[in-house]
PDB file of all heavy atoms in Angstrom:
ATOM      1  N   PRO A   1     195.372 104.436  87.799  1.00  0.00           N
ATOM      2  CA  PRO A   1     195.930 105.026  89.007  1.00  0.00           C
ATOM      3  C   PRO A   1     196.818 106.249  88.764  1.00  0.00           C
ATOM      4  O   PRO A   1     197.086 107.000  89.686  1.00  0.00           O
ATOM      5  CB  PRO A   1     196.744 103.881  89.612  1.00  0.00           C
ATOM      6  CG  PRO A   1     197.140 103.044  88.442  1.00  0.00           C
ATOM      7  CD  PRO A   1     195.993 103.153  87.474  1.00  0.00           C
ATOM      8  N   CYS A   2     197.257 106.457  87.541  1.00  0.00           N
ATOM      9  CA  CYS A   2     198.204 107.552  87.267  1.00  0.00           C
ATOM     10  C   CYS A   2     197.591 108.936  87.427  1.00  0.00           C
ATOM     11  O   CYS A   2     198.183 109.808  88.036  1.00  0.00           O
ATOM     12  CB  CYS A   2     198.779 107.415  85.866  1.00  0.00           C
ATOM     13  SG  CYS A   2     199.785 105.945  85.660  1.00  0.00           S
ATOM     14  N   HIS A   3     196.412 109.154  86.837  1.00  0.00           N
ATOM     15  CA  HIS A   3     195.799 110.480  86.854  1.00  0.00           C
ATOM     16  C   HIS A   3     194.316 110.418  87.185  1.00  0.00           C
ATOM     17  O   HIS A   3     193.544 111.267  86.758  1.00  0.00           O
ATOM     18  CB  HIS A   3     196.019 111.193  85.521  1.00  0.00           C
ATOM     19  CG  HIS A   3     197.449 111.392  85.208  1.00  0.00           C
ATOM     20  ND1 HIS A   3     198.117 110.613  84.288  1.00  0.00           N
ATOM     21  CD2 HIS A   3     198.373 112.240  85.725  1.00  0.00           C
ATOM     22  CE1 HIS A   3     199.384 111.003  84.232  1.00  0.00           C
ATOM     23  NE2 HIS A   3     199.566 111.972  85.097  1.00  0.00           N
ATOM     24  N   LYS A   4     193.916 109.386  87.911  1.00  0.00           N
ATOM     25  CA  LYS A   4     192.530 109.228  88.357  1.00  0.00           C
ATOM     26  C   LYS A   4     191.532 109.225  87.199  1.00  0.00           C
ATOM     27  O   LYS A   4     190.530 109.923  87.207  1.00  0.00           O
ATOM     28  CB  LYS A   4     192.147 110.310  89.372  1.00  0.00           C
ATOM     29  CG  LYS A   4     193.015 110.331  90.600  1.00  0.00           C
ATOM     30  CD  LYS A   4     192.811 109.095  91.439  1.00  0.00           C
ATOM     31  CE  LYS A   4     193.608 109.207  92.719  1.00  0.00           C
ATOM     32  NZ  LYS A   4     194.136 107.960  93.169  1.00  0.00           N
ATOM     33  N   GLY A   5     191.809 108.397  86.218  1.00  0.00           N
ATOM     34  CA  GLY A   5     190.866 108.190  85.130  1.00  0.00           C
ATOM     35  C   GLY A   5     189.987 106.992  85.448  1.00  0.00           C
ATOM     36  O   GLY A   5     190.440 106.027  86.064  1.00  0.00           O
ATOM     37  N   PHE A   6     188.722 107.063  85.049  1.00  0.00           N
ATOM     38  CA  PHE A   6     187.775 105.987  85.319  1.00  0.00           C
ATOM     39  C   PHE A   6     187.021 105.614  84.051  1.00  0.00           C
ATOM     40  O   PHE A   6     186.668 106.484  83.253  1.00  0.00           O
ATOM     41  CB  PHE A   6     186.769 106.415  86.399  1.00  0.00           C
ATOM     42  CG  PHE A   6     187.394 106.641  87.734  1.00  0.00           C
ATOM     43  CD1 PHE A   6     187.962 107.872  88.051  1.00  0.00           C
ATOM     44  CD2 PHE A   6     187.436 105.629  88.679  1.00  0.00           C
ATOM     45  CE1 PHE A   6     188.550 108.091  89.282  1.00  0.00           C
ATOM     46  CE2 PHE A   6     188.025 105.842  89.918  1.00  0.00           C
ATOM     47  CZ  PHE A   6     188.583 107.071  90.220  1.00  0.00           C
ATOM     48  N   PHE A   7     186.770 104.318  83.911  1.00  0.00           N
ATOM     49  CA  PHE A   7     186.042 103.774  82.776  1.00  0.00           C
ATOM     50  C   PHE A   7     184.956 102.858  83.331  1.00  0.00           C
ATOM     51  O   PHE A   7     185.136 102.240  84.388  1.00  0.00           O
ATOM     52  CB  PHE A   7     186.973 102.933  81.890  1.00  0.00           C
ATOM     53  CG  PHE A   7     188.142 103.695  81.331  1.00  0.00           C
ATOM     54  CD1 PHE A   7     189.306 103.829  82.070  1.00  0.00           C
ATOM     55  CD2 PHE A   7     188.087 104.261  80.069  1.00  0.00           C
ATOM     56  CE1 PHE A   7     190.398 104.512  81.559  1.00  0.00           C
ATOM     57  CE2 PHE A   7     189.177 104.943  79.546  1.00  0.00           C
ATOM     58  CZ  PHE A   7     190.332 105.075  80.288  1.00  0.00           C
ATOM     59  N   ASP A   8     183.841 102.740  82.607  1.00  0.00           N
ATOM     60  CA  ASP A   8     182.838 101.768  83.044  1.00  0.00           C
ATOM     61  C   ASP A   8     183.298 100.367  82.658  1.00  0.00           C
ATOM     62  O   ASP A   8     184.354 100.193  82.041  1.00  0.00           O
ATOM     63  CB  ASP A   8     181.446 102.113  82.517  1.00  0.00           C
ATOM     64  CG  ASP A   8     181.245 101.904  81.023  1.00  0.00           C
ATOM     65  OD1 ASP A   8     182.092 101.264  80.342  1.00  0.00           O
ATOM     66  OD2 ASP A   8     180.219 102.377  80.508  1.00  0.00           O
ATOM     67  N   ILE A   9     182.511  99.382  82.993  1.00  0.00           N
ATOM     68  CA  ILE A   9     182.904  97.987  82.783  1.00  0.00           C
ATOM     69  C   ILE A   9     183.061  97.630  81.303  1.00  0.00           C
ATOM     70  O   ILE A   9     183.726  96.667  80.957  1.00  0.00           O
ATOM     71  CB  ILE A   9     181.904  97.050  83.492  1.00  0.00           C
ATOM     72  CG1 ILE A   9     182.509  95.686  83.699  1.00  0.00           C
ATOM     73  CG2 ILE A   9     180.588  96.999  82.764  1.00  0.00           C
ATOM     74  CD1 ILE A   9     181.761  94.819  84.674  1.00  0.00           C
ATOM     75  N   TYR A  10     182.485  98.449  80.421  1.00  0.00           N
ATOM     76  CA  TYR A  10     182.620  98.217  78.974  1.00  0.00           C
ATOM     77  C   TYR A  10     183.701  99.082  78.337  1.00  0.00           C
ATOM     78  O   TYR A  10     183.850  99.103  77.134  1.00  0.00           O
ATOM     79  CB  TYR A  10     181.272  98.426  78.281  1.00  0.00           C
ATOM     80  CG  TYR A  10     180.239  97.445  78.779  1.00  0.00           C
ATOM     81  CD1 TYR A  10     179.276  97.839  79.693  1.00  0.00           C
ATOM     82  CD2 TYR A  10     180.268  96.111  78.381  1.00  0.00           C
ATOM     83  CE1 TYR A  10     178.353  96.928  80.185  1.00  0.00           C
ATOM     84  CE2 TYR A  10     179.339  95.202  78.867  1.00  0.00           C
ATOM     85  CZ  TYR A  10     178.391  95.614  79.764  1.00  0.00           C
ATOM     86  OH  TYR A  10     177.480  94.706  80.256  1.00  0.00           O
ATOM     87  N   GLY A  11     184.453  99.822  79.164  1.00  0.00           N
ATOM     88  CA  GLY A  11     185.580 100.604  78.673  1.00  0.00           C
ATOM     89  C   GLY A  11     185.278 102.045  78.322  1.00  0.00           C
ATOM     90  O   GLY A  11     186.161 102.776  77.894  1.00  0.00           O
ATOM     91  N   LYS A  12     184.034 102.494  78.514  1.00  0.00           N
ATOM     92  CA  LYS A  12     183.683 103.887  78.203  1.00  0.00           C
ATOM     93  C   LYS A  12     184.294 104.802  79.263  1.00  0.00           C
ATOM     94  O   LYS A  12     184.149 104.562  80.462  1.00  0.00           O
ATOM     95  CB  LYS A  12     182.170 104.059  78.175  1.00  0.00           C
ATOM     96  CG  LYS A  12     181.742 105.467  77.859  1.00  0.00           C
ATOM     97  CD  LYS A  12     180.236 105.621  77.862  1.00  0.00           C
ATOM     98  CE  LYS A  12     179.897 107.073  77.607  1.00  0.00           C
ATOM     99  NZ  LYS A  12     178.523 107.379  77.969  1.00  0.00           N
ATOM    100  N   ASN A  13     184.978 105.861  78.812  1.00  0.00           N
ATOM    101  CA  ASN A  13     185.571 106.817  79.739  1.00  0.00           C
ATOM    102  C   ASN A  13     184.448 107.606  80.422  1.00  0.00           C
ATOM    103  O   ASN A  13     183.592 108.171  79.758  1.00  0.00           O
ATOM    104  CB  ASN A  13     186.577 107.728  79.043  1.00  0.00           C
ATOM    105  CG  ASN A  13     186.084 108.287  77.724  1.00  0.00           C
ATOM    106  OD1 ASN A  13     185.329 107.636  77.004  1.00  0.00           O
ATOM    107  ND2 ASN A  13     186.498 109.489  77.392  1.00  0.00           N
ATOM    108  N   ILE A  14     184.455 107.612  81.770  1.00  0.00           N
ATOM    109  CA  ILE A  14     183.360 108.238  82.504  1.00  0.00           C
ATOM    110  C   ILE A  14     183.806 109.375  83.432  1.00  0.00           C
ATOM    111  O   ILE A  14     183.001 110.233  83.758  1.00  0.00           O
ATOM    112  CB  ILE A  14     182.541 107.200  83.301  1.00  0.00           C
ATOM    113  CG1 ILE A  14     183.430 106.373  84.203  1.00  0.00           C
ATOM    114  CG2 ILE A  14     181.727 106.330  82.373  1.00  0.00           C
ATOM    115  CD1 ILE A  14     182.693 105.402  85.118  1.00  0.00           C
ATOM    116  N   LYS A  15     185.059 109.369  83.875  1.00  0.00           N
ATOM    117  CA  LYS A  15     185.563 110.444  84.744  1.00  0.00           C
ATOM    118  C   LYS A  15     187.056 110.612  84.509  1.00  0.00           C
ATOM    119  O   LYS A  15     187.743 109.664  84.176  1.00  0.00           O
ATOM    120  CB  LYS A  15     185.350 110.101  86.223  1.00  0.00           C
ATOM    121  CG  LYS A  15     183.930 110.060  86.693  1.00  0.00           C
ATOM    122  CD  LYS A  15     183.860 109.851  88.193  1.00  0.00           C
ATOM    123  CE  LYS A  15     183.762 108.375  88.470  1.00  0.00           C
ATOM    124  NZ  LYS A  15     183.536 108.026  89.865  1.00  0.00           N
ATOM    125  N   GLY A  16     187.528 111.831  84.734  1.00  0.00           N
ATOM    126  CA  GLY A  16     188.960 112.075  84.665  1.00  0.00           C
ATOM    127  C   GLY A  16     189.438 112.453  83.277  1.00  0.00           C
ATOM    128  O   GLY A  16     188.642 112.717  82.379  1.00  0.00           O
ATOM    129  N   PRO A  17     190.748 112.432  83.084  1.00  0.00           N
ATOM    130  CA  PRO A  17     191.324 112.937  81.844  1.00  0.00           C
ATOM    131  C   PRO A  17     191.316 112.019  80.616  1.00  0.00           C
ATOM    132  O   PRO A  17     191.561 112.505  79.523  1.00  0.00           O
ATOM    133  CB  PRO A  17     192.768 113.262  82.242  1.00  0.00           C
ATOM    134  CG  PRO A  17     193.066 112.352  83.367  1.00  0.00           C
ATOM    135  CD  PRO A  17     191.767 112.167  84.095  1.00  0.00           C
ATOM    136  N   PRO A  18     191.046 110.694  80.715  1.00  0.00           N
ATOM    137  CA  PRO A  18     191.129 109.886  79.496  1.00  0.00           C
ATOM    138  C   PRO A  18     190.208 110.423  78.391  1.00  0.00           C
ATOM    139  O   PRO A  18     189.009 110.595  78.607  1.00  0.00           O
ATOM    140  CB  PRO A  18     190.694 108.490  79.943  1.00  0.00           C
ATOM    141  CG  PRO A  18     191.037 108.445  81.392  1.00  0.00           C
ATOM    142  CD  PRO A  18     190.774 109.840  81.883  1.00  0.00           C
ATOM    143  N   PRO A  19     190.761 110.690  77.195  1.00  0.00           N
ATOM    144  CA  PRO A  19     189.970 111.299  76.126  1.00  0.00           C
ATOM    145  C   PRO A  19     189.107 110.320  75.325  1.00  0.00           C
ATOM    146  O   PRO A  19     188.181 110.739  74.638  1.00  0.00           O
ATOM    147  CB  PRO A  19     191.032 111.919  75.214  1.00  0.00           C
ATOM    148  CG  PRO A  19     192.227 111.032  75.402  1.00  0.00           C
ATOM    149  CD  PRO A  19     192.177 110.594  76.840  1.00  0.00           C
ATOM    150  N   LYS A  20     189.422 109.018  75.403  1.00  0.00           N
ATOM    151  CA  LYS A  20     188.706 108.032  74.594  1.00  0.00           C
ATOM    152  C   LYS A  20     188.432 106.788  75.423  1.00  0.00           C
ATOM    153  O   LYS A  20     189.096 106.543  76.421  1.00  0.00           O
ATOM    154  CB  LYS A  20     189.556 107.608  73.387  1.00  0.00           C
ATOM    155  CG  LYS A  20     189.917 108.706  72.435  1.00  0.00           C
ATOM    156  CD  LYS A  20     190.637 108.177  71.204  1.00  0.00           C
ATOM    157  CE  LYS A  20     191.930 107.479  71.567  1.00  0.00           C
ATOM    158  NZ  LYS A  20     192.762 107.117  70.428  1.00  0.00           N
ATOM    159  N   PRO A  21     187.476 105.976  74.963  1.00  0.00           N
ATOM    160  CA  PRO A  21     187.237 104.691  75.632  1.00  0.00           C
ATOM    161  C   PRO A  21     188.411 103.742  75.434  1.00  0.00           C
ATOM    162  O   PRO A  21     189.247 103.942  74.547  1.00  0.00           O
ATOM    163  CB  PRO A  21     186.000 104.142  74.911  1.00  0.00           C
ATOM    164  CG  PRO A  21     185.455 105.239  74.096  1.00  0.00           C
ATOM    165  CD  PRO A  21     186.550 106.226  73.876  1.00  0.00           C
ATOM    166  N   LEU A  22     188.434 102.697  76.237  1.00  0.00           N
ATOM    167  CA  LEU A  22     189.427 101.643  76.065  1.00  0.00           C
ATOM    168  C   LEU A  22     189.038 100.799  74.851  1.00  0.00           C
ATOM    169  O   LEU A  22     187.853 100.601  74.577  1.00  0.00           O
ATOM    170  CB  LEU A  22     189.475 100.747  77.304  1.00  0.00           C
ATOM    171  CG  LEU A  22     189.910 101.405  78.607  1.00  0.00           C
ATOM    172  CD1 LEU A  22     189.685 100.455  79.777  1.00  0.00           C
ATOM    173  CD2 LEU A  22     191.365 101.829  78.526  1.00  0.00           C
ATOM    174  N   LYS A  23     190.026 100.304  74.161  1.00  0.00           N
ATOM    175  CA  LYS A  23     189.783  99.422  73.021  1.00  0.00           C
ATOM    176  C   LYS A  23     189.171  98.122  73.529  1.00  0.00           C
ATOM    177  O   LYS A  23     189.628  97.557  74.519  1.00  0.00           O
ATOM    178  CB  LYS A  23     191.104  99.147  72.313  1.00  0.00           C
ATOM    179  CG  LYS A  23     190.991  98.230  71.140  1.00  0.00           C
ATOM    180  CD  LYS A  23     192.351  98.024  70.514  1.00  0.00           C
ATOM    181  CE  LYS A  23     192.281  96.955  69.467  1.00  0.00           C
ATOM    182  NZ  LYS A  23     193.585  96.683  68.898  1.00  0.00           N
ATOM    183  N   SER A  24     188.133  97.655  72.850  1.00  0.00           N
ATOM    184  CA  SER A  24     187.496  96.412  73.273  1.00  0.00           C
ATOM    185  C   SER A  24     187.812  95.276  72.305  1.00  0.00           C
ATOM    186  O   SER A  24     188.124  95.504  71.131  1.00  0.00           O
ATOM    187  CB  SER A  24     185.986  96.595  73.398  1.00  0.00           C
ATOM    188  OG  SER A  24     185.420  96.901  72.152  1.00  0.00           O
ATOM    189  N   TYR A  25     187.737  94.072  72.824  1.00  0.00           N
ATOM    190  CA  TYR A  25     188.005  92.854  72.058  1.00  0.00           C
ATOM    191  C   TYR A  25     186.777  91.953  72.099  1.00  0.00           C
ATOM    192  O   TYR A  25     185.995  92.008  73.042  1.00  0.00           O
ATOM    193  CB  TYR A  25     189.214  92.110  72.639  1.00  0.00           C
ATOM    194  CG  TYR A  25     190.498  92.880  72.549  1.00  0.00           C
ATOM    195  CD1 TYR A  25     190.917  93.688  73.596  1.00  0.00           C
ATOM    196  CD2 TYR A  25     191.291  92.806  71.418  1.00  0.00           C
ATOM    197  CE1 TYR A  25     192.102  94.409  73.511  1.00  0.00           C
ATOM    198  CE2 TYR A  25     192.477  93.517  71.325  1.00  0.00           C
ATOM    199  CZ  TYR A  25     192.873  94.317  72.370  1.00  0.00           C
ATOM    200  OH  TYR A  25     194.035  95.028  72.287  1.00  0.00           O
ATOM    201  N   GLU A  26     186.656  91.112  71.119  1.00  0.00           N
ATOM    202  CA  GLU A  26     185.589  90.128  71.088  1.00  0.00           C
ATOM    203  C   GLU A  26     186.025  88.911  71.893  1.00  0.00           C
ATOM    204  O   GLU A  26     187.176  88.487  71.806  1.00  0.00           O
ATOM    205  CB  GLU A  26     185.319  89.725  69.636  1.00  0.00           C
ATOM    206  CG  GLU A  26     184.129  88.826  69.464  1.00  0.00           C
ATOM    207  CD  GLU A  26     183.825  88.565  68.003  1.00  0.00           C
ATOM    208  OE1 GLU A  26     183.901  89.495  67.185  1.00  0.00           O
ATOM    209  OE2 GLU A  26     183.519  87.406  67.692  1.00  0.00           O
ATOM    210  N   VAL A  27     185.112  88.355  72.673  1.00  0.00           N
ATOM    211  CA  VAL A  27     185.406  87.162  73.482  1.00  0.00           C
ATOM    212  C   VAL A  27     184.433  86.062  73.088  1.00  0.00           C
ATOM    213  O   VAL A  27     183.227  86.277  73.081  1.00  0.00           O
ATOM    214  CB  VAL A  27     185.260  87.447  74.990  1.00  0.00           C
ATOM    215  CG1 VAL A  27     185.622  86.214  75.803  1.00  0.00           C
ATOM    216  CG2 VAL A  27     186.102  88.636  75.412  1.00  0.00           C
ATOM    217  N   LYS A  28     184.978  84.902  72.753  1.00  0.00           N
ATOM    218  CA  LYS A  28     184.153  83.736  72.424  1.00  0.00           C
ATOM    219  C   LYS A  28     184.589  82.573  73.292  1.00  0.00           C
ATOM    220  O   LYS A  28     185.781  82.305  73.424  1.00  0.00           O
ATOM    221  CB  LYS A  28     184.363  83.308  70.966  1.00  0.00           C
ATOM    222  CG  LYS A  28     183.634  84.087  69.953  1.00  0.00           C
ATOM    223  CD  LYS A  28     183.796  83.383  68.608  1.00  0.00           C
ATOM    224  CE  LYS A  28     183.442  84.291  67.470  1.00  0.00           C
ATOM    225  NZ  LYS A  28     183.715  83.659  66.182  1.00  0.00           N
ATOM    226  N   GLU A  29     183.604  81.877  73.857  1.00  0.00           N
ATOM    227  CA  GLU A  29     183.906  80.634  74.565  1.00  0.00           C
ATOM    228  C   GLU A  29     184.000  79.536  73.514  1.00  0.00           C
ATOM    229  O   GLU A  29     183.116  79.387  72.681  1.00  0.00           O
ATOM    230  CB  GLU A  29     182.827  80.312  75.586  1.00  0.00           C
ATOM    231  CG  GLU A  29     182.870  81.254  76.776  1.00  0.00           C
ATOM    232  CD  GLU A  29     182.001  80.808  77.922  1.00  0.00           C
ATOM    233  OE1 GLU A  29     182.197  79.672  78.419  1.00  0.00           O
ATOM    234  OE2 GLU A  29     181.132  81.593  78.320  1.00  0.00           O
ATOM    235  N   VAL A  30     185.098  78.819  73.531  1.00  0.00           N
ATOM    236  CA  VAL A  30     185.308  77.692  72.627  1.00  0.00           C
ATOM    237  C   VAL A  30     185.497  76.446  73.495  1.00  0.00           C
ATOM    238  O   VAL A  30     185.744  76.572  74.696  1.00  0.00           O
ATOM    239  CB  VAL A  30     186.513  77.933  71.679  1.00  0.00           C
ATOM    240  CG1 VAL A  30     186.217  79.075  70.711  1.00  0.00           C
ATOM    241  CG2 VAL A  30     187.781  78.229  72.434  1.00  0.00           C
ATOM    242  N   PRO A  31     185.372  75.248  72.923  1.00  0.00           N
ATOM    243  CA  PRO A  31     185.430  74.031  73.742  1.00  0.00           C
ATOM    244  C   PRO A  31     186.644  73.928  74.671  1.00  0.00           C
ATOM    245  O   PRO A  31     186.526  73.433  75.775  1.00  0.00           O
ATOM    246  CB  PRO A  31     185.439  72.911  72.708  1.00  0.00           C
ATOM    247  CG  PRO A  31     184.738  73.486  71.530  1.00  0.00           C
ATOM    248  CD  PRO A  31     185.112  74.939  71.516  1.00  0.00           C
ATOM    249  N   ASP A  32     187.777  74.433  74.251  1.00  0.00           N
ATOM    250  CA  ASP A  32     188.971  74.278  75.085  1.00  0.00           C
ATOM    251  C   ASP A  32     189.538  75.612  75.564  1.00  0.00           C
ATOM    252  O   ASP A  32     190.735  75.750  75.761  1.00  0.00           O
ATOM    253  CB  ASP A  32     190.034  73.473  74.344  1.00  0.00           C
ATOM    254  CG  ASP A  32     190.355  74.047  72.977  1.00  0.00           C
ATOM    255  OD1 ASP A  32     189.578  74.905  72.487  1.00  0.00           O
ATOM    256  OD2 ASP A  32     191.374  73.661  72.388  1.00  0.00           O
ATOM    257  N   GLY A  33     188.682  76.612  75.777  1.00  0.00           N
ATOM    258  CA  GLY A  33     189.157  77.872  76.309  1.00  0.00           C
ATOM    259  C   GLY A  33     188.344  79.077  75.881  1.00  0.00           C
ATOM    260  O   GLY A  33     187.173  78.977  75.521  1.00  0.00           O
ATOM    261  N   LEU A  34     189.006  80.222  75.920  1.00  0.00           N
ATOM    262  CA  LEU A  34     188.423  81.482  75.462  1.00  0.00           C
ATOM    263  C   LEU A  34     189.243  81.988  74.290  1.00  0.00           C
ATOM    264  O   LEU A  34     190.469  81.948  74.325  1.00  0.00           O
ATOM    265  CB  LEU A  34     188.466  82.554  76.557  1.00  0.00           C
ATOM    266  CG  LEU A  34     187.498  82.465  77.710  1.00  0.00           C
ATOM    267  CD1 LEU A  34     187.701  83.645  78.654  1.00  0.00           C
ATOM    268  CD2 LEU A  34     186.067  82.417  77.249  1.00  0.00           C
ATOM    269  N   LEU A  35     188.571  82.500  73.284  1.00  0.00           N
ATOM    270  CA  LEU A  35     189.238  83.092  72.134  1.00  0.00           C
ATOM    271  C   LEU A  35     188.981  84.590  72.187  1.00  0.00           C
ATOM    272  O   LEU A  35     187.831  85.041  72.137  1.00  0.00           O
ATOM    273  CB  LEU A  35     188.688  82.497  70.848  1.00  0.00           C
ATOM    274  CG  LEU A  35     189.457  82.814  69.580  1.00  0.00           C
ATOM    275  CD1 LEU A  35     190.885  82.283  69.643  1.00  0.00           C
ATOM    276  CD2 LEU A  35     188.731  82.199  68.377  1.00  0.00           C
ATOM    277  N   ILE A  36     190.053  85.369  72.338  1.00  0.00           N
ATOM    278  CA  ILE A  36     189.981  86.826  72.399  1.00  0.00           C
ATOM    279  C   ILE A  36     190.499  87.339  71.064  1.00  0.00           C
ATOM    280  O   ILE A  36     191.612  87.005  70.667  1.00  0.00           O
ATOM    281  CB  ILE A  36     190.867  87.409  73.531  1.00  0.00           C
ATOM    282  CG1 ILE A  36     190.732  86.610  74.833  1.00  0.00           C
ATOM    283  CG2 ILE A  36     190.595  88.881  73.718  1.00  0.00           C
ATOM    284  CD1 ILE A  36     189.416  86.614  75.485  1.00  0.00           C
ATOM    285  N   SER A  37     189.696  88.164  70.369  1.00  0.00           N
ATOM    286  CA  SER A  37     190.136  88.633  69.061  1.00  0.00           C
ATOM    287  C   SER A  37     189.798  90.098  68.856  1.00  0.00           C
ATOM    288  O   SER A  37     188.913  90.655  69.503  1.00  0.00           O
ATOM    289  CB  SER A  37     189.526  87.778  67.943  1.00  0.00           C
ATOM    290  OG  SER A  37     188.124  87.795  68.018  1.00  0.00           O
ATOM    291  N   ARG A  38     190.541  90.694  67.930  1.00  0.00           N
ATOM    292  CA  ARG A  38     190.271  92.083  67.556  1.00  0.00           C
ATOM    293  C   ARG A  38     188.891  92.150  66.945  1.00  0.00           C
ATOM    294  O   ARG A  38     188.467  91.248  66.258  1.00  0.00           O
ATOM    295  CB  ARG A  38     191.265  92.550  66.490  1.00  0.00           C
ATOM    296  CG  ARG A  38     192.674  92.659  66.973  1.00  0.00           C
ATOM    297  CD  ARG A  38     193.545  93.103  65.791  1.00  0.00           C
ATOM    298  NE  ARG A  38     194.925  92.950  66.120  1.00  0.00           N
ATOM    299  CZ  ARG A  38     195.654  93.923  66.669  1.00  0.00           C
ATOM    300  NH1 ARG A  38     195.122  95.084  66.896  1.00  0.00           N
ATOM    301  NH2 ARG A  38     196.925  93.721  66.965  1.00  0.00           N
ATOM    302  N   LYS A  39     188.189  93.244  67.207  1.00  0.00           N
ATOM    303  CA  LYS A  39     186.886  93.433  66.589  1.00  0.00           C
ATOM    304  C   LYS A  39     187.094  93.893  65.152  1.00  0.00           C
ATOM    305  O   LYS A  39     188.051  94.614  64.858  1.00  0.00           O
ATOM    306  CB  LYS A  39     186.076  94.460  67.351  1.00  0.00           C
ATOM    307  CG  LYS A  39     185.598  93.941  68.688  1.00  0.00           C
ATOM    308  CD  LYS A  39     184.627  94.886  69.305  1.00  0.00           C
ATOM    309  CE  LYS A  39     184.020  94.248  70.535  1.00  0.00           C
ATOM    310  NZ  LYS A  39     182.920  95.033  71.055  1.00  0.00           N
ATOM    311  N   ALA A  40     186.189  93.506  64.274  1.00  0.00           N
ATOM    312  CA  ALA A  40     186.261  93.945  62.888  1.00  0.00           C
ATOM    313  C   ALA A  40     186.018  95.442  62.809  1.00  0.00           C
ATOM    314  O   ALA A  40     185.352  96.011  63.664  1.00  0.00           O
ATOM    315  CB  ALA A  40     185.216  93.190  62.045  1.00  0.00           C
ATOM    316  N   GLN A  41     186.569  96.077  61.789  1.00  0.00           N
ATOM    317  CA  GLN A  41     186.359  97.515  61.589  1.00  0.00           C
ATOM    318  C   GLN A  41     184.869  97.807  61.555  1.00  0.00           C
ATOM    319  O   GLN A  41     184.093  97.077  60.989  1.00  0.00           O
ATOM    320  CB  GLN A  41     187.000  97.968  60.266  1.00  0.00           C
ATOM    321  CG  GLN A  41     188.509  97.909  60.259  1.00  0.00           C
ATOM    322  CD  GLN A  41     189.142  98.915  61.184  1.00  0.00           C
ATOM    323  OE1 GLN A  41     188.556  99.916  61.533  1.00  0.00           O
ATOM    324  NE2 GLN A  41     190.366  98.643  61.604  1.00  0.00           N
ATOM    325  N   GLY A  42     184.467  98.893  62.192  1.00  0.00           N
ATOM    326  CA  GLY A  42     183.089  99.295  62.200  1.00  0.00           C
ATOM    327  C   GLY A  42     182.286  98.730  63.363  1.00  0.00           C
ATOM    328  O   GLY A  42     181.148  99.080  63.548  1.00  0.00           O
ATOM    329  N   LYS A  43     182.863  97.846  64.151  1.00  0.00           N
ATOM    330  CA  LYS A  43     182.146  97.303  65.319  1.00  0.00           C
ATOM    331  C   LYS A  43     182.392  98.161  66.516  1.00  0.00           C
ATOM    332  O   LYS A  43     183.379  98.751  66.693  1.00  0.00           O
ATOM    333  CB  LYS A  43     182.601  95.878  65.616  1.00  0.00           C
ATOM    334  CG  LYS A  43     181.947  94.877  64.711  1.00  0.00           C
ATOM    335  CD  LYS A  43     182.218  93.485  65.253  1.00  0.00           C
ATOM    336  CE  LYS A  43     181.494  92.450  64.445  1.00  0.00           C
ATOM    337  NZ  LYS A  43     181.705  91.113  64.942  1.00  0.00           N
TER     338      LYS A  43
END
C-alpha cells in the first residue's frame, strides 16, 4: 500500500517500484500443523 507495488501470488514483482521478488519459504504439512522453513541456497 505504500507505493503501489504489486506481486503475483508466488511473490514475483509485477507492477510498481519493488525491485525484487518477495522472499519465499518452504511449506510442509506435518501431522500436527504446518512447518514453514527457509529455502536452501540455490532454490
